[in-house]
PDB file of N, CA and C in Angstrom:
ATOM      1  N   MET A   1     -57.254  -5.594 130.293  1.00  0.00           N
ATOM      2  CA  MET A   1     -56.256  -4.757 130.326  1.00  0.00           C
ATOM      3  C   MET A   1     -55.483  -5.425 128.338  1.00  0.00           C
ATOM      4  N   GLY A   2     -55.461  -4.693 127.811  1.00  0.00           N
ATOM      5  CA  GLY A   2     -55.063  -4.898 126.086  1.00  0.00           C
ATOM      6  C   GLY A   2     -52.922  -4.662 126.415  1.00  0.00           C
ATOM      7  N   PHE A   3     -52.458  -5.463 125.860  1.00  0.00           N
ATOM      8  CA  PHE A   3     -51.067  -4.705 126.256  1.00  0.00           C
ATOM      9  C   PHE A   3     -50.540  -3.957 125.543  1.00  0.00           C
ATOM     10  N   TRP A   4     -51.314  -2.716 124.699  1.00  0.00           N
ATOM     11  CA  TRP A   4     -50.594  -1.468 123.685  1.00  0.00           C
ATOM     12  C   TRP A   4     -52.191  -0.528 125.362  1.00  0.00           C
ATOM     13  N   THR A   5     -52.273  -0.549 125.691  1.00  0.00           N
ATOM     14  CA  THR A   5     -53.248  -0.463 126.456  1.00  0.00           C
ATOM     15  C   THR A   5     -52.590   0.493 127.907  1.00  0.00           C
ATOM     16  N   ALA A   6     -51.581  -1.484 128.838  1.00  0.00           N
ATOM     17  CA  ALA A   6     -51.114  -1.246 129.672  1.00  0.00           C
ATOM     18  C   ALA A   6     -49.196  -0.167 129.542  1.00  0.00           C
ATOM     19  N   VAL A   7     -48.800  -0.544 127.883  1.00  0.00           N
ATOM     20  CA  VAL A   7     -47.951   0.063 127.606  1.00  0.00           C
ATOM     21  C   VAL A   7     -48.198   1.458 128.045  1.00  0.00           C
ATOM     22  N   VAL A   8     -49.656   1.396 126.454  1.00  0.00           N
ATOM     23  CA  VAL A   8     -49.510   3.165 127.275  1.00  0.00           C
ATOM     24  C   VAL A   8     -49.458   3.901 128.573  1.00  0.00           C
ATOM     25  N   ALA A   9     -50.088   2.871 129.337  1.00  0.00           N
ATOM     26  CA  ALA A   9     -50.338   3.802 130.876  1.00  0.00           C
ATOM     27  C   ALA A   9     -48.991   3.609 132.154  1.00  0.00           C
ATOM     28  N   LEU A  10     -48.340   2.389 131.080  1.00  0.00           N
ATOM     29  CA  LEU A  10     -47.015   2.402 131.996  1.00  0.00           C
ATOM     30  C   LEU A  10     -46.135   3.978 131.425  1.00  0.00           C
ATOM     31  N   ALA A  11     -46.306   4.305 130.701  1.00  0.00           N
ATOM     32  CA  ALA A  11     -45.486   5.241 129.836  1.00  0.00           C
ATOM     33  C   ALA A  11     -46.585   6.833 130.590  1.00  0.00           C
ATOM     34  N   ALA A  12     -47.546   6.486 130.867  1.00  0.00           N
ATOM     35  CA  ALA A  12     -47.886   8.036 131.807  1.00  0.00           C
ATOM     36  C   ALA A  12     -47.376   7.879 132.395  1.00  0.00           C
ATOM     37  N   ILE A  13     -47.224   7.056 133.193  1.00  0.00           N
ATOM     38  CA  ILE A  13     -46.745   6.384 135.522  1.00  0.00           C
ATOM     39  C   ILE A  13     -45.012   7.666 135.565  1.00  0.00           C
ATOM     40  N   VAL A  14     -44.361   6.800 134.095  1.00  0.00           N
ATOM     41  CA  VAL A  14     -42.919   7.598 133.834  1.00  0.00           C
ATOM     42  C   VAL A  14     -43.457   8.477 132.794  1.00  0.00           C
ATOM     43  N   MET A  15     -44.018   9.708 132.514  1.00  0.00           N
ATOM     44  CA  MET A  15     -44.711  10.984 132.524  1.00  0.00           C
ATOM     45  C   MET A  15     -44.218  11.609 133.467  1.00  0.00           C
ATOM     46  N   PHE A  16     -45.174  10.810 134.522  1.00  0.00           N
ATOM     47  CA  PHE A  16     -45.948  11.401 135.459  1.00  0.00           C
ATOM     48  C   PHE A  16     -44.543  12.127 136.971  1.00  0.00           C
ATOM     49  N   GLY A  17     -43.585  10.361 136.500  1.00  0.00           N
ATOM     50  CA  GLY A  17     -42.577  10.970 137.206  1.00  0.00           C
ATOM     51  C   GLY A  17     -41.996  11.727 136.894  1.00  0.00           C
ATOM     52  N   LEU A  18     -41.253  11.554 136.221  1.00  0.00           N
ATOM     53  CA  LEU A  18     -40.135  12.496 135.297  1.00  0.00           C
ATOM     54  C   LEU A  18     -40.778  14.173 135.798  1.00  0.00           C
ATOM     55  N   ILE A  19     -41.654  14.387 135.636  1.00  0.00           N
ATOM     56  CA  ILE A  19     -42.529  15.085 136.061  1.00  0.00           C
ATOM     57  C   ILE A  19     -41.835  15.610 137.871  1.00  0.00           C
ATOM     58  N   ALA A  20     -42.660  15.089 138.169  1.00  0.00           N
ATOM     59  CA  ALA A  20     -42.958  15.105 139.384  1.00  0.00           C
ATOM     60  C   ALA A  20     -40.629  15.106 139.923  1.00  0.00           C
ATOM     61  N   ILE A  21     -39.923  14.049 139.531  1.00  0.00           N
ATOM     62  CA  ILE A  21     -38.651  14.683 139.343  1.00  0.00           C
ATOM     63  C   ILE A  21     -38.534  16.052 139.408  1.00  0.00           C
ATOM     64  N   ALA A  22     -38.489  16.307 138.001  1.00  0.00           N
ATOM     65  CA  ALA A  22     -37.862  17.917 137.292  1.00  0.00           C
ATOM     66  C   ALA A  22     -38.314  18.604 138.705  1.00  0.00           C
ATOM     67  N   ARG A  23     -39.673  19.176 138.899  1.00  0.00           N
ATOM     68  CA  ARG A  23     -40.149  19.475 139.694  1.00  0.00           C
ATOM     69  C   ARG A  23     -39.424  20.238 140.925  1.00  0.00           C
ATOM     70  N   THR A  24     -39.139  18.889 141.200  1.00  0.00           N
ATOM     71  CA  THR A  24     -38.539  18.144 142.656  1.00  0.00           C
ATOM     72  C   THR A  24     -36.987  19.802 142.477  1.00  0.00           C
ATOM     73  N   ASN A  25     -36.604  18.794 140.968  1.00  0.00           N
ATOM     74  CA  ASN A  25     -35.614  19.437 141.772  1.00  0.00           C
ATOM     75  C   ASN A  25     -34.790  21.011 141.148  1.00  0.00           C
ATOM     76  N   SER A  26     -36.425  21.388 140.405  1.00  0.00           N
ATOM     77  CA  SER A  26     -35.934  22.660 139.928  1.00  0.00           C
ATOM     78  C   SER A  26     -36.211  23.760 141.322  1.00  0.00           C
ATOM     79  N   LYS A  27     -37.720  23.522 142.317  1.00  0.00           N
ATOM     80  CA  LYS A  27     -37.474  23.594 143.630  1.00  0.00           C
ATOM     81  C   LYS A  27     -36.061  23.685 144.267  1.00  0.00           C
ATOM     82  N   GLN A  28     -35.432  22.849 144.622  1.00  0.00           N
ATOM     83  CA  GLN A  28     -34.055  22.340 145.561  1.00  0.00           C
ATOM     84  C   GLN A  28     -32.694  23.622 144.590  1.00  0.00           C
ATOM     85  N   GLN A  29     -33.589  23.363 143.207  1.00  0.00           N
ATOM     86  CA  GLN A  29     -32.361  24.600 142.048  1.00  0.00           C
ATOM     87  C   GLN A  29     -32.703  26.145 142.880  1.00  0.00           C
ATOM     88  N   ASP A  30     -34.158  26.553 143.353  1.00  0.00           N
ATOM     89  CA  ASP A  30     -34.561  28.336 144.060  1.00  0.00           C
ATOM     90  C   ASP A  30     -34.082  28.240 145.096  1.00  0.00           C
ATOM     91  N   HIS A  31     -34.395  26.628 146.031  1.00  0.00           N
ATOM     92  CA  HIS A  31     -33.112  26.618 146.732  1.00  0.00           C
ATOM     93  C   HIS A  31     -31.919  27.283 147.599  1.00  0.00           C
ATOM     94  N   SER A  32     -31.459  26.955 146.597  1.00  0.00           N
ATOM     95  CA  SER A  32     -29.927  26.921 146.794  1.00  0.00           C
ATOM     96  C   SER A  32     -29.526  28.282 146.344  1.00  0.00           C
ATOM     97  N   GLU A  33     -29.629  28.791 144.828  1.00  0.00           N
ATOM     98  CA  GLU A  33     -29.846  29.856 144.666  1.00  0.00           C
ATOM     99  C   GLU A  33     -30.301  30.808 145.633  1.00  0.00           C
ATOM    100  N   GLU A  34     -31.212  30.651 146.551  1.00  0.00           N
ATOM    101  CA  GLU A  34     -31.611  31.666 148.001  1.00  0.00           C
ATOM    102  C   GLU A  34     -30.853  31.447 149.168  1.00  0.00           C
ATOM    103  N   ARG A  35     -30.411  30.589 149.140  1.00  0.00           N
ATOM    104  CA  ARG A  35     -28.960  30.352 150.066  1.00  0.00           C
ATOM    105  C   ARG A  35     -27.758  31.130 149.552  1.00  0.00           C
ATOM    106  N   LEU A  36     -27.213  30.926 148.912  1.00  0.00           N
ATOM    107  CA  LEU A  36     -26.346  31.626 147.829  1.00  0.00           C
ATOM    108  C   LEU A  36     -26.688  32.470 148.437  1.00  0.00           C
ATOM    109  N   SER A  37     -26.798  33.485 147.514  1.00  0.00           N
ATOM    110  CA  SER A  37     -27.646  35.228 147.999  1.00  0.00           C
ATOM    111  C   SER A  37     -27.144  35.182 148.757  1.00  0.00           C
ATOM    112  N   ALA A  38     -27.658  34.306 150.395  1.00  0.00           N
ATOM    113  CA  ALA A  38     -28.356  35.255 151.691  1.00  0.00           C
ATOM    114  C   ALA A  38     -26.508  34.988 151.323  1.00  0.00           C
ATOM    115  N   LEU A  39     -26.077  33.390 151.398  1.00  0.00           N
ATOM    116  CA  LEU A  39     -24.708  33.983 151.778  1.00  0.00           C
ATOM    117  C   LEU A  39     -23.501  34.779 151.170  1.00  0.00           C
ATOM    118  N   GLU A  40     -23.527  34.869 150.705  1.00  0.00           N
ATOM    119  CA  GLU A  40     -23.333  36.412 150.159  1.00  0.00           C
ATOM    120  C   GLU A  40     -22.869  37.327 151.057  1.00  0.00           C
ATOM    121  N   ASP A  41     -24.558  37.406 150.436  1.00  0.00           N
ATOM    122  CA  ASP A  41     -24.669  38.757 151.301  1.00  0.00           C
ATOM    123  C   ASP A  41     -24.335  38.503 152.885  1.00  0.00           C
ATOM    124  N   LYS A  42     -23.967  38.096 153.589  1.00  0.00           N
ATOM    125  CA  LYS A  42     -23.431  37.749 154.912  1.00  0.00           C
ATOM    126  C   LYS A  42     -21.867  38.321 154.796  1.00  0.00           C
ATOM    127  N   PHE A  43     -21.614  37.491 153.657  1.00  0.00           N
ATOM    128  CA  PHE A  43     -20.246  37.418 153.564  1.00  0.00           C
ATOM    129  C   PHE A  43     -19.450  39.176 153.155  1.00  0.00           C
ATOM    130  N   ASP A  44     -20.451  39.510 152.357  1.00  0.00           N
ATOM    131  CA  ASP A  44     -20.582  40.800 152.285  1.00  0.00           C
ATOM    132  C   ASP A  44     -20.398  42.239 153.394  1.00  0.00           C
ATOM    133  N   ARG A  45     -21.239  41.950 154.292  1.00  0.00           N
ATOM    134  CA  ARG A  45     -21.252  42.489 155.771  1.00  0.00           C
ATOM    135  C   ARG A  45     -20.201  41.820 156.319  1.00  0.00           C
ATOM    136  N   LEU A  46     -19.712  40.632 156.623  1.00  0.00           N
ATOM    137  CA  LEU A  46     -18.884  40.589 157.728  1.00  0.00           C
ATOM    138  C   LEU A  46     -17.043  41.736 156.974  1.00  0.00           C
ATOM    139  N   ASP A  47     -16.699  41.422 155.714  1.00  0.00           N
ATOM    140  CA  ASP A  47     -15.736  41.940 154.730  1.00  0.00           C
ATOM    141  C   ASP A  47     -16.204  43.060 154.871  1.00  0.00           C
ATOM    142  N   ALA A  48     -16.422  44.201 155.202  1.00  0.00           N
ATOM    143  CA  ALA A  48     -17.482  45.341 155.276  1.00  0.00           C
ATOM    144  C   ALA A  48     -16.603  46.202 156.741  1.00  0.00           C
ATOM    145  N   ASP A  49     -17.425  44.749 157.549  1.00  0.00           N
ATOM    146  CA  ASP A  49     -16.582  45.127 159.548  1.00  0.00           C
ATOM    147  C   ASP A  49     -15.800  44.835 159.513  1.00  0.00           C
ATOM    148  N   ILE A  50     -14.882  43.898 158.302  1.00  0.00           N
ATOM    149  CA  ILE A  50     -13.650  43.393 159.014  1.00  0.00           C
ATOM    150  C   ILE A  50     -13.149  44.878 158.655  1.00  0.00           C
ATOM    151  N   ARG A  51     -13.079  45.057 157.244  1.00  0.00           N
ATOM    152  CA  ARG A  51     -13.199  46.016 156.634  1.00  0.00           C
ATOM    153  C   ARG A  51     -11.705  47.621 157.560  1.00  0.00           C
ATOM    154  N   HIS A  52     -13.519  47.720 158.355  1.00  0.00           N
ATOM    155  CA  HIS A  52     -13.217  49.219 159.262  1.00  0.00           C
ATOM    156  C   HIS A  52     -12.901  48.916 160.188  1.00  0.00           C
ATOM    157  N   ARG A  53     -12.895  47.819 160.670  1.00  0.00           N
ATOM    158  CA  ARG A  53     -12.042  46.617 162.360  1.00  0.00           C
ATOM    159  C   ARG A  53     -10.371  47.226 161.899  1.00  0.00           C
ATOM    160  N   VAL A  54     -10.027  47.510 160.421  1.00  0.00           N
ATOM    161  CA  VAL A  54      -8.460  47.088 160.579  1.00  0.00           C
ATOM    162  C   VAL A  54      -8.792  48.726 159.636  1.00  0.00           C
ATOM    163  N   GLU A  55      -9.656  49.256 159.343  1.00  0.00           N
ATOM    164  CA  GLU A  55      -9.543  51.319 158.929  1.00  0.00           C
ATOM    165  C   GLU A  55      -8.543  51.504 160.828  1.00  0.00           C
ATOM    166  N   VAL A  56     -10.103  50.320 161.504  1.00  0.00           N
ATOM    167  CA  VAL A  56     -10.233  51.638 163.165  1.00  0.00           C
ATOM    168  C   VAL A  56      -8.208  51.245 163.154  1.00  0.00           C
ATOM    169  N   LEU A  57      -8.337  50.323 163.706  1.00  0.00           N
ATOM    170  CA  LEU A  57      -6.750  49.747 164.194  1.00  0.00           C
ATOM    171  C   LEU A  57      -5.652  50.371 163.391  1.00  0.00           C
ATOM    172  N   GLU A  58      -5.386  50.674 162.211  1.00  0.00           N
ATOM    173  CA  GLU A  58      -4.757  51.043 161.218  1.00  0.00           C
ATOM    174  C   GLU A  58      -4.866  52.789 162.431  1.00  0.00           C
ATOM    175  N   ARG A  59      -5.842  53.477 162.289  1.00  0.00           N
ATOM    176  CA  ARG A  59      -5.964  54.785 162.945  1.00  0.00           C
ATOM    177  C   ARG A  59      -5.350  54.508 164.253  1.00  0.00           C
ATOM    178  N   ILE A  60      -5.631  53.348 164.703  1.00  0.00           N
ATOM    179  CA  ILE A  60      -5.777  53.606 166.387  1.00  0.00           C
ATOM    180  C   ILE A  60      -2.931  53.588 166.742  1.00  0.00           C
ATOM    181  N   VAL A  61      -2.872  52.281 165.461  1.00  0.00           N
ATOM    182  CA  VAL A  61      -1.711  52.409 165.828  1.00  0.00           C
ATOM    183  C   VAL A  61      -0.362  53.651 165.313  1.00  0.00           C
ATOM    184  N   THR A  62      -1.142  54.456 164.093  1.00  0.00           N
ATOM    185  CA  THR A  62      -0.325  55.909 163.219  1.00  0.00           C
ATOM    186  C   THR A  62      -0.663  56.849 163.815  1.00  0.00           C
ATOM    187  N   ASP A  63      -2.201  56.736 164.806  1.00  0.00           N
ATOM    188  CA  ASP A  63      -2.170  58.265 165.775  1.00  0.00           C
ATOM    189  C   ASP A  63      -1.131  57.963 166.804  1.00  0.00           C
ATOM    190  N   GLY A  64      -1.172  59.448 167.148  1.00  0.00           N
ATOM    191  CA  GLY A  64      -0.004  59.659 168.407  1.00  0.00           C
ATOM    192  C   GLY A  64      -0.789  59.538 169.707  1.00  0.00           C
ATOM    193  N   ASN A  65      -0.718  59.691 170.790  1.00  0.00           N
ATOM    194  CA  ASN A  65      -1.270  58.585 171.558  1.00  0.00           C
ATOM    195  C   ASN A  65      -2.192  60.096 172.973  1.00  0.00           C
ATOM    196  N   ALA A  66      -2.030  61.290 172.400  1.00  0.00           N
ATOM    197  CA  ALA A  66      -3.285  62.714 172.579  1.00  0.00           C
ATOM    198  C   ALA A  66      -5.243  61.562 171.615  1.00  0.00           C
ATOM    199  N   SER A  67      -4.354  61.745 170.589  1.00  0.00           N
ATOM    200  CA  SER A  67      -5.145  61.277 169.452  1.00  0.00           C
ATOM    201  C   SER A  67      -6.345  60.340 169.839  1.00  0.00           C
ATOM    202  N   LEU A  68      -5.471  59.603 170.664  1.00  0.00           N
ATOM    203  CA  LEU A  68      -5.867  57.916 170.517  1.00  0.00           C
ATOM    204  C   LEU A  68      -6.820  57.997 171.981  1.00  0.00           C
ATOM    205  N   LYS A  69      -6.573  59.117 173.765  1.00  0.00           N
ATOM    206  CA  LYS A  69      -6.864  59.135 174.760  1.00  0.00           C
ATOM    207  C   LYS A  69      -8.188  59.959 174.101  1.00  0.00           C
ATOM    208  N   ARG A  70      -7.315  61.159 172.633  1.00  0.00           N
ATOM    209  CA  ARG A  70      -9.643  61.165 173.106  1.00  0.00           C
ATOM    210  C   ARG A  70     -10.580  60.235 172.279  1.00  0.00           C
ATOM    211  N   GLU A  71     -10.133  59.797 171.836  1.00  0.00           N
ATOM    212  CA  GLU A  71     -11.109  59.322 170.637  1.00  0.00           C
ATOM    213  C   GLU A  71     -11.037  57.581 172.256  1.00  0.00           C
ATOM    214  N   PHE A  72     -10.938  56.562 173.409  1.00  0.00           N
ATOM    215  CA  PHE A  72     -11.440  56.523 173.856  1.00  0.00           C
ATOM    216  C   PHE A  72     -12.133  57.157 175.482  1.00  0.00           C
ATOM    217  N   GLU A  73     -12.018  58.590 175.908  1.00  0.00           N
ATOM    218  CA  GLU A  73     -12.887  59.879 176.130  1.00  0.00           C
ATOM    219  C   GLU A  73     -13.597  60.237 175.713  1.00  0.00           C
ATOM    220  N   ASP A  74     -14.269  59.676 174.435  1.00  0.00           N
ATOM    221  CA  ASP A  74     -14.610  59.945 173.394  1.00  0.00           C
ATOM    222  C   ASP A  74     -16.191  58.497 173.589  1.00  0.00           C
ATOM    223  N   LEU A  75     -15.183  57.086 173.605  1.00  0.00           N
ATOM    224  CA  LEU A  75     -16.255  56.026 174.314  1.00  0.00           C
ATOM    225  C   LEU A  75     -16.455  56.627 174.873  1.00  0.00           C
ATOM    226  N   GLU A  76     -15.973  56.700 175.861  1.00  0.00           N
ATOM    227  CA  GLU A  76     -15.881  56.905 177.390  1.00  0.00           C
ATOM    228  C   GLU A  76     -17.203  57.229 177.940  1.00  0.00           C
ATOM    229  N   LYS A  77     -17.245  58.844 176.975  1.00  0.00           N
ATOM    230  CA  LYS A  77     -18.725  59.707 177.111  1.00  0.00           C
ATOM    231  C   LYS A  77     -19.627  58.629 176.683  1.00  0.00           C
ATOM    232  N   ALA A  78     -19.953  58.307 175.192  1.00  0.00           N
ATOM    233  CA  ALA A  78     -21.225  57.693 174.469  1.00  0.00           C
ATOM    234  C   ALA A  78     -21.228  56.670 174.761  1.00  0.00           C
ATOM    235  N   SER A  79     -20.698  56.344 175.535  1.00  0.00           N
ATOM    236  CA  SER A  79     -21.579  54.884 176.399  1.00  0.00           C
ATOM    237  C   SER A  79     -21.601  54.732 178.174  1.00  0.00           C
TER     238      SER A  79
END
């Protein structure tokens, strides 16, 4: 094997290595974006749930006792 053949072979090996690294990084980035999207969705659901709970608590605090008793009775009937 001549000198120039070895140089070309070495360059080809390096190029294939760089291509493999780029593909791996791309797959990891896609996976990270999917995970970020899933976390954002989960955050949105939790945020909506917390907002609903706060609204219910505000309603309980500001409503009179009669309304509160009615809600508890409705909940007992529903279950």
